[in-house]
Amino acid sequence: MPASGRVLLAVVFPFQPFVEHGGLLPQRPPEENLGMNPAAGWEESVNRFAEAALAPTGFDIVKVARVPYLCQGDTGAPYYNLDDAVFVLAP
């Protein structure tokens, strides 16, 4: 990537990762654990994600924005409104 390049990365918080494993089979945890607290607030989650996932990559965080993330619902609600962090990263 050229030095002038940028990466946009969007991550939903609270961070509760899982792996879908077929249609009706149960979800399973990912193989790599970032040590995120699913009960943490948005700001704490962003900071922890930056330390655990972004810092080791060598990218610098240029900007972070908090934006709404609408996701598919279930039998309890037609959709869910979550908080998304959009990171602008530079090499």
Protein backbone atom coordinates (compact mmCIF):
# COMPACT_ATOMS: atom_id res chain seq x y z
CA MET A 1 0.00 0.00 0.00
CA PRO A 2 1.37 3.45 -0.82
CA ALA A 3 2.12 5.76 2.11
CA SER A 4 -0.77 7.98 1.01
CA GLY A 5 -3.22 5.04 1.09
CA ARG A 6 -5.95 4.60 3.71
CA VAL A 7 -7.90 1.64 5.05
CA LEU A 8 -11.51 1.93 6.23
CA LEU A 9 -12.48 -0.65 8.84
CA ALA A 10 -15.93 -0.92 10.45
CA VAL A 11 -16.44 -2.94 13.65
CA VAL A 12 -19.67 -3.37 15.62
CA PHE A 13 -19.54 -2.80 19.39
CA PRO A 14 -20.27 -4.39 21.77
CA PHE A 15 -17.87 -6.91 20.25
CA GLN A 16 -19.39 -10.40 20.45
CA PRO A 17 -17.75 -12.49 17.72
CA PHE A 18 -18.98 -15.90 16.64
CA VAL A 19 -18.63 -18.24 13.70
CA GLU A 20 -21.73 -19.46 11.90
CA HIS A 21 -21.37 -23.18 11.39
CA GLY A 22 -24.02 -24.29 8.93
CA GLY A 23 -27.75 -23.58 8.86
CA LEU A 24 -29.17 -24.86 12.13
CA LEU A 25 -25.98 -25.88 13.88
CA PRO A 26 -24.98 -23.88 16.95
CA GLN A 27 -22.67 -20.91 16.69
CA ARG A 28 -19.12 -21.39 17.88
CA PRO A 29 -16.47 -19.01 19.16
CA PRO A 30 -13.67 -17.84 16.86
CA GLU A 31 -10.30 -19.57 17.12
CA GLU A 32 -8.54 -16.33 18.10
CA ASN A 33 -9.65 -14.41 21.20
CA LEU A 34 -8.98 -10.67 21.39
CA GLY A 35 -9.86 -10.47 25.08
CA MET A 36 -12.76 -8.10 24.48
CA ASN A 37 -15.33 -7.58 27.23
CA PRO A 38 -18.84 -7.84 25.67
CA ALA A 39 -20.25 -5.79 28.57
CA ALA A 40 -17.82 -2.88 28.04
CA GLY A 41 -19.03 0.48 26.81
CA TRP A 42 -18.37 1.76 23.30
CA GLU A 43 -15.34 3.91 24.19
CA GLU A 44 -13.68 1.16 26.25
CA SER A 45 -14.34 -1.34 23.46
CA VAL A 46 -12.81 0.94 20.82
CA ASN A 47 -9.68 1.45 22.95
CA ARG A 48 -9.29 -2.26 23.69
CA PHE A 49 -9.82 -3.19 20.02
CA ALA A 50 -7.22 -0.63 18.98
CA GLU A 51 -4.71 -2.14 21.41
CA ALA A 52 -5.49 -5.82 20.74
CA ALA A 53 -6.18 -5.87 17.00
CA LEU A 54 -4.88 -2.70 15.36
CA ALA A 55 -1.64 -1.86 17.18
CA PRO A 56 0.08 -5.14 16.19
CA THR A 57 -0.60 -4.43 12.50
CA GLY A 58 1.48 -1.26 12.46
CA PHE A 59 -1.37 0.88 11.11
CA ASP A 60 -1.92 4.30 12.66
CA ILE A 61 -5.44 5.38 13.54
CA VAL A 62 -6.16 8.64 11.72
CA LYS A 63 -9.83 9.01 12.73
CA VAL A 64 -12.60 7.08 14.48
CA ALA A 65 -16.30 7.73 13.98
CA ARG A 66 -19.31 6.33 15.82
CA VAL A 67 -22.10 5.49 13.40
CA PRO A 68 -25.34 3.48 13.62
CA TYR A 69 -25.35 -0.11 12.43
CA LEU A 70 -28.70 -1.69 11.62
CA CYS A 71 -28.67 -5.46 11.58
CA GLN A 72 -31.12 -8.20 10.82
CA GLY A 73 -33.58 -8.98 13.56
CA ASP A 74 -35.03 -12.16 14.91
CA THR A 75 -38.30 -13.26 16.50
CA GLY A 76 -37.86 -10.60 19.19
CA ALA A 77 -37.41 -7.59 16.90
CA PRO A 78 -37.46 -6.86 13.15
CA TYR A 79 -34.00 -5.23 13.39
CA TYR A 80 -31.41 -4.14 15.93
CA ASN A 81 -29.66 -0.77 16.13
CA LEU A 82 -26.05 -1.21 17.25
CA ASP A 83 -23.03 1.11 17.43
CA ASP A 84 -20.37 0.80 14.77
CA ALA A 85 -16.83 2.18 14.95
CA VAL A 86 -15.42 3.21 11.60
CA PHE A 87 -11.64 3.50 11.71
CA VAL A 88 -9.56 5.35 9.14
CA LEU A 89 -6.11 3.75 9.19
CA ALA A 90 -2.83 4.82 7.62
CA PRO A 91 0.26 2.69 6.97
